[in-house]
Amino acid sequence: MNNPVQVLVTGATGRTGSLVVQKLQQRKEQFIVRGFARSRQKVEQLFGTTEGFYFGDIRDPASLAPALVGCQGIVLQLPI
């Protein structure tokens, strides 16, 4: 069996991002999902935990870099 692919989902608390996180979390044998969001409070409200989430602004490379370490994939949503 193959190792699960680590995927970072940016905008994890948005409408699309939260759905992507939920769908990937349902396929634990295939994916290790990491969420990236600005609000710790909103992550707790949506997911009940902050485990597996990173916080910062996608426009700030210094806050994004730690979330990308070890990832093989990314679902990227840019702020409008």
C-alpha atoms as a PDB file:
ATOM      1  CA  MET A   1       0.000   0.000   0.000  1.00  0.00           C
ATOM      2  CA  ASN A   2       1.211   3.508  -0.792  1.00  0.00           C
ATOM      3  CA  ASN A   3       1.848   6.175   1.800  1.00  0.00           C
ATOM      4  CA  PRO A   4      -0.809   8.887   2.058  1.00  0.00           C
ATOM      5  CA  VAL A   5      -0.108  12.103   0.146  1.00  0.00           C
ATOM      6  CA  GLN A   6       0.291  15.198   2.315  1.00  0.00           C
ATOM      7  CA  VAL A   7      -1.869  18.011   0.919  1.00  0.00           C
ATOM      8  CA  LEU A   8      -2.094  21.624   2.063  1.00  0.00           C
ATOM      9  CA  VAL A   9      -5.456  23.344   1.598  1.00  0.00           C
ATOM     10  CA  THR A  10      -5.289  27.120   1.756  1.00  0.00           C
ATOM     11  CA  GLY A  11      -8.430  29.072   2.597  1.00  0.00           C
ATOM     12  CA  ALA A  12      -9.472  26.124   4.748  1.00  0.00           C
ATOM     13  CA  THR A  13     -12.269  28.038   6.478  1.00  0.00           C
ATOM     14  CA  GLY A  14     -13.877  29.335   3.296  1.00  0.00           C
ATOM     15  CA  ARG A  15     -16.817  27.678   1.573  1.00  0.00           C
ATOM     16  CA  THR A  16     -14.762  25.698  -0.947  1.00  0.00           C
ATOM     17  CA  GLY A  17     -11.691  25.207   1.239  1.00  0.00           C
ATOM     18  CA  SER A  18     -13.663  23.749   4.141  1.00  0.00           C
ATOM     19  CA  LEU A  19     -15.398  21.289   1.806  1.00  0.00           C
ATOM     20  CA  VAL A  20     -12.054  20.207   0.341  1.00  0.00           C
ATOM     21  CA  VAL A  21     -10.596  19.697   3.836  1.00  0.00           C
ATOM     22  CA  GLN A  22     -13.617  17.611   4.869  1.00  0.00           C
ATOM     23  CA  LYS A  23     -13.497  15.440   1.743  1.00  0.00           C
ATOM     24  CA  LEU A  24      -9.762  14.800   2.070  1.00  0.00           C
ATOM     25  CA  GLN A  25     -10.141  14.000   5.780  1.00  0.00           C
ATOM     26  CA  GLN A  26     -12.648  11.291   4.840  1.00  0.00           C
ATOM     27  CA  ARG A  27      -9.938   9.549   2.780  1.00  0.00           C
ATOM     28  CA  LYS A  28      -7.305   9.087   5.478  1.00  0.00           C
ATOM     29  CA  GLU A  29      -5.804   6.122   3.673  1.00  0.00           C
ATOM     30  CA  GLN A  30      -5.002   8.377   0.697  1.00  0.00           C
ATOM     31  CA  PHE A  31      -4.408  11.834   2.154  1.00  0.00           C
ATOM     32  CA  ILE A  32      -2.945  13.627   5.138  1.00  0.00           C
ATOM     33  CA  VAL A  33      -4.610  17.004   5.008  1.00  0.00           C
ATOM     34  CA  ARG A  34      -3.219  20.231   6.394  1.00  0.00           C
ATOM     35  CA  GLY A  35      -5.361  23.315   6.525  1.00  0.00           C
ATOM     36  CA  PHE A  36      -4.109  26.873   6.220  1.00  0.00           C
ATOM     37  CA  ALA A  37      -6.293  29.693   7.542  1.00  0.00           C
ATOM     38  CA  ARG A  38      -6.129  33.143   9.070  1.00  0.00           C
ATOM     39  CA  SER A  39      -8.516  32.559  11.973  1.00  0.00           C
ATOM     40  CA  ARG A  40      -7.858  30.019  14.721  1.00  0.00           C
ATOM     41  CA  GLN A  41     -11.359  30.702  16.108  1.00  0.00           C
ATOM     42  CA  LYS A  42     -13.067  29.934  12.796  1.00  0.00           C
ATOM     43  CA  VAL A  43     -11.090  26.677  12.445  1.00  0.00           C
ATOM     44  CA  GLU A  44     -12.245  25.616  15.912  1.00  0.00           C
ATOM     45  CA  GLN A  45     -15.855  26.472  15.026  1.00  0.00           C
ATOM     46  CA  LEU A  46     -15.791  24.529  11.746  1.00  0.00           C
ATOM     47  CA  PHE A  47     -13.625  21.552  12.652  1.00  0.00           C
ATOM     48  CA  GLY A  48     -13.684  21.368  16.458  1.00  0.00           C
ATOM     49  CA  THR A  49      -9.878  21.337  16.652  1.00  0.00           C
ATOM     50  CA  THR A  50      -6.852  23.204  15.349  1.00  0.00           C
ATOM     51  CA  GLU A  51      -4.768  20.033  15.001  1.00  0.00           C
ATOM     52  CA  GLY A  52      -3.363  19.791  11.493  1.00  0.00           C
ATOM     53  CA  PHE A  53      -3.940  23.481  10.780  1.00  0.00           C
ATOM     54  CA  TYR A  54      -1.469  26.287  10.202  1.00  0.00           C
ATOM     55  CA  PHE A  55      -2.278  29.946  10.595  1.00  0.00           C
ATOM     56  CA  GLY A  56      -1.201  33.031   8.729  1.00  0.00           C
ATOM     57  CA  ASP A  57      -1.747  34.987   5.547  1.00  0.00           C
ATOM     58  CA  ILE A  58      -1.106  33.348   2.194  1.00  0.00           C
ATOM     59  CA  ARG A  59       0.409  36.626   0.989  1.00  0.00           C
ATOM     60  CA  ASP A  60       3.093  36.282   3.677  1.00  0.00           C
ATOM     61  CA  PRO A  61       5.678  33.692   2.567  1.00  0.00           C
ATOM     62  CA  ALA A  62       7.084  33.442   6.115  1.00  0.00           C
ATOM     63  CA  SER A  63       3.749  32.227   7.500  1.00  0.00           C
ATOM     64  CA  LEU A  64       3.100  29.893   4.565  1.00  0.00           C
ATOM     65  CA  ALA A  65       6.515  28.187   4.460  1.00  0.00           C
ATOM     66  CA  PRO A  66       6.129  25.976   7.589  1.00  0.00           C
ATOM     67  CA  ALA A  67       2.787  24.663   6.329  1.00  0.00           C
ATOM     68  CA  LEU A  68       4.373  23.535   3.065  1.00  0.00           C
ATOM     69  CA  VAL A  69       7.175  21.464   4.600  1.00  0.00           C
ATOM     70  CA  GLY A  70       6.710  17.844   3.559  1.00  0.00           C
ATOM     71  CA  CYS A  71       3.665  18.472   1.366  1.00  0.00           C
ATOM     72  CA  GLN A  72       3.359  16.736  -1.976  1.00  0.00           C
ATOM     73  CA  GLY A  73       0.251  18.623  -3.060  1.00  0.00           C
ATOM     74  CA  ILE A  74      -1.556  21.907  -2.557  1.00  0.00           C
ATOM     75  CA  VAL A  75      -5.078  23.168  -3.124  1.00  0.00           C
ATOM     76  CA  LEU A  76      -4.474  26.870  -3.511  1.00  0.00           C
ATOM     77  CA  GLN A  77      -7.153  29.487  -3.102  1.00  0.00           C
ATOM     78  CA  LEU A  78      -6.057  33.064  -3.428  1.00  0.00           C
ATOM     79  CA  PRO A  79      -7.803  35.914  -1.628  1.00  0.00           C
ATOM     80  CA  ILE A  80      -9.734  38.246  -3.884  1.00  0.00           C
END
